[in-house]
Amino acid sequence: MFRTELRPTELRPTELARSELPRREPAVCGSRVIAAHGPQPPQPGVEPPLYDDGALRITQIPGPGSGYALAGEIDEAAFPALARRLDEIAADLGEVHLNLAALDYADLAGLRVIVGLADTGRRGVVLHQVPPHLRAILNIVGWDTAPGVEIAG
């Protein structure tokens, strides 16, 4: 095992300021940014999100044929809350519309929750603006043709 230690005298303050750590770019949902460090404060004139933990945000899309937008990332930490919130949202709906355009990452558990909303014979799930990397995963796993799941444009 290798271990590297830096003593405080080895870096001058100007070098410290110039040394850049890799930064995660925040995801953008409409005009709002998903902050990597936590939820954003409410913005005037904008509906508050249904869920926002700083990494994943769920917002309702207003208008006719309204649906919900997922933005940010779904990982093992976020998927239990996603499952609860989507179950609440879908409880009284015959068809759930989800826009995934601003979803940067979703692990298999997160995608399983989304696809699992399709209740054979009772409820369908329509996925809108699925990013290519997520569309490929859905295709590989076979969930793009699962009963009750539709991928629209």
Protein backbone atom coordinates (compact mmCIF):
# COMPACT_ATOMS: atom_id res chain seq x y z
CA MET A 1 0.00 0.00 0.00
CA PHE A 2 1.30 3.44 -0.90
CA ARG A 3 0.67 6.56 1.06
CA THR A 4 1.50 10.11 0.11
CA GLU A 5 1.60 12.87 2.64
CA LEU A 6 1.92 16.58 2.00
CA ARG A 7 3.38 18.80 4.62
CA PRO A 8 1.88 22.29 4.87
CA THR A 9 5.20 23.86 3.92
CA GLU A 10 5.36 22.01 0.61
CA LEU A 11 2.61 24.11 -1.01
CA ARG A 12 2.57 27.87 -1.02
CA PRO A 13 -0.85 29.58 -0.72
CA THR A 14 -0.78 30.64 -4.39
CA GLU A 15 -0.16 27.07 -5.48
CA LEU A 16 -2.99 25.89 -3.27
CA ALA A 17 -5.38 28.36 -4.89
CA ARG A 18 -4.35 27.24 -8.37
CA SER A 19 -4.60 23.54 -7.62
CA GLU A 20 -7.99 22.49 -8.86
CA LEU A 21 -9.85 19.50 -7.58
CA PRO A 22 -12.22 17.79 -9.99
CA ARG A 23 -15.57 19.53 -9.77
CA ARG A 24 -18.89 17.99 -10.50
CA GLU A 25 -20.93 20.14 -12.82
CA PRO A 26 -24.43 20.69 -11.47
CA ALA A 27 -27.41 19.37 -13.43
CA VAL A 28 -29.83 21.94 -14.84
CA CYS A 29 -33.60 21.55 -14.82
CA GLY A 30 -35.17 24.36 -16.81
CA SER A 31 -33.68 27.52 -15.38
CA ARG A 32 -32.88 25.93 -12.02
CA VAL A 33 -29.65 24.24 -11.04
CA ILE A 34 -29.47 21.04 -9.04
CA ALA A 35 -26.86 21.88 -6.41
CA ALA A 36 -24.35 19.16 -5.59
CA HIS A 37 -24.19 20.43 -1.99
CA GLY A 38 -27.86 20.41 -1.09
CA PRO A 39 -31.37 21.59 -1.94
CA GLN A 40 -31.87 25.05 -3.35
CA PRO A 41 -34.02 27.64 -1.60
CA PRO A 42 -37.46 28.26 -3.14
CA GLN A 43 -37.52 30.71 -6.03
CA PRO A 44 -40.24 33.36 -6.30
CA GLY A 45 -42.93 32.57 -8.88
CA VAL A 46 -41.80 28.96 -9.31
CA GLU A 47 -43.64 25.92 -8.01
CA PRO A 48 -41.61 24.23 -5.27
CA PRO A 49 -40.20 20.83 -6.18
CA LEU A 50 -42.01 17.73 -4.96
CA TYR A 51 -38.66 16.34 -3.89
CA ASP A 52 -35.18 17.88 -3.73
CA ASP A 53 -32.21 16.43 -1.88
CA GLY A 54 -29.54 18.37 -3.78
CA ALA A 55 -28.71 15.45 -6.06
CA LEU A 56 -32.19 14.56 -7.34
CA ARG A 57 -35.11 16.87 -7.93
CA ILE A 58 -38.67 15.97 -8.90
CA THR A 59 -40.87 18.76 -10.21
CA GLN A 60 -44.36 18.82 -11.68
CA ILE A 61 -44.62 20.02 -15.26
CA PRO A 62 -47.57 22.40 -15.48
CA GLY A 63 -50.06 22.47 -18.32
CA PRO A 64 -52.29 20.08 -20.19
CA GLY A 65 -51.13 16.47 -20.08
CA SER A 66 -48.91 17.39 -17.17
CA GLY A 67 -46.25 15.07 -15.95
CA TYR A 68 -43.17 15.15 -13.80
CA ALA A 69 -39.53 15.96 -14.49
CA LEU A 70 -36.63 14.16 -12.85
CA ALA A 71 -33.32 16.03 -12.76
CA GLY A 72 -29.92 15.20 -11.34
CA GLU A 73 -28.85 11.74 -10.28
CA ILE A 74 -30.49 8.60 -8.92
CA ASP A 75 -28.14 6.40 -6.95
CA GLU A 76 -28.47 3.97 -4.07
CA ALA A 77 -28.93 6.84 -1.62
CA ALA A 78 -31.72 8.51 -3.62
CA PHE A 79 -33.74 5.59 -4.91
CA PRO A 80 -35.70 4.77 -1.69
CA ALA A 81 -37.01 8.35 -1.56
CA LEU A 82 -37.66 8.25 -5.31
CA ALA A 83 -39.68 5.05 -4.90
CA ARG A 84 -41.82 6.55 -2.12
CA ARG A 85 -42.41 9.82 -3.93
CA LEU A 86 -43.25 8.19 -7.29
CA ASP A 87 -45.65 5.78 -5.57
CA GLU A 88 -47.43 8.77 -4.02
CA ILE A 89 -47.53 10.59 -7.36
CA ALA A 90 -48.78 7.57 -9.33
CA ALA A 91 -51.35 6.39 -6.79
CA ASP A 92 -54.35 7.98 -8.55
CA LEU A 93 -53.03 8.19 -12.11
CA GLY A 94 -53.89 5.92 -15.02
CA GLU A 95 -50.74 6.96 -16.87
CA VAL A 96 -47.57 8.52 -15.47
CA HIS A 97 -45.54 10.86 -17.70
CA LEU A 98 -41.90 11.36 -16.68
CA ASN A 99 -39.46 13.68 -18.43
CA LEU A 100 -35.91 12.39 -17.98
CA ALA A 101 -34.09 15.02 -20.09
CA ALA A 102 -32.18 16.43 -17.10
CA LEU A 103 -31.45 13.06 -15.48
CA ASP A 104 -27.67 12.75 -15.67
CA TYR A 105 -27.33 9.37 -13.98
CA ALA A 106 -29.56 6.56 -12.82
CA ASP A 107 -28.40 3.21 -11.49
CA LEU A 108 -30.37 0.03 -12.21
CA ALA A 109 -32.30 0.27 -8.96
CA GLY A 110 -33.49 3.77 -9.90
CA LEU A 111 -34.50 2.69 -13.39
CA ARG A 112 -36.28 -0.35 -11.93
CA VAL A 113 -38.35 1.98 -9.72
CA ILE A 114 -39.31 4.11 -12.73
CA VAL A 115 -40.20 1.15 -14.95
CA GLY A 116 -41.89 -0.58 -12.02
CA LEU A 117 -44.53 2.16 -11.96
CA ALA A 118 -46.09 0.41 -14.95
CA ASP A 119 -48.76 -1.75 -13.40
CA THR A 120 -49.75 -4.30 -16.01
CA GLY A 121 -53.31 -3.66 -17.09
CA ARG A 122 -53.86 -0.71 -14.77
CA ARG A 123 -51.21 1.97 -15.21
CA GLY A 124 -48.75 2.88 -17.91
CA VAL A 125 -45.51 4.85 -17.76
CA VAL A 126 -44.52 7.18 -20.59
CA LEU A 127 -40.88 8.29 -20.54
CA HIS A 128 -40.15 11.53 -22.39
CA GLN A 129 -36.79 12.86 -23.61
CA VAL A 130 -34.82 9.89 -22.32
CA PRO A 131 -31.08 10.67 -22.60
CA PRO A 132 -29.17 8.31 -24.91
CA HIS A 133 -27.13 6.72 -22.10
CA LEU A 134 -30.29 5.81 -20.16
CA ARG A 135 -32.10 4.69 -23.31
CA ALA A 136 -29.20 2.31 -24.00
CA ILE A 137 -29.43 0.81 -20.51
CA LEU A 138 -33.21 0.40 -20.80
CA ASN A 139 -32.66 -1.32 -24.15
CA ILE A 140 -29.92 -3.65 -22.88
CA VAL A 141 -31.97 -4.74 -19.87
CA GLY A 142 -35.12 -5.07 -22.00
CA TRP A 143 -37.16 -2.57 -20.01
CA ASP A 144 -37.81 -0.43 -23.09
CA THR A 145 -40.32 -3.09 -24.21
CA ALA A 146 -41.70 -3.97 -20.77
CA PRO A 147 -45.51 -4.13 -20.61
CA GLY A 148 -46.98 -0.72 -19.81
CA VAL A 149 -43.75 1.18 -20.59
CA GLU A 150 -43.57 3.58 -23.52
CA ILE A 151 -40.56 5.64 -24.55
CA ALA A 152 -41.72 8.77 -26.35
CA GLY A 153 -39.23 10.93 -28.22
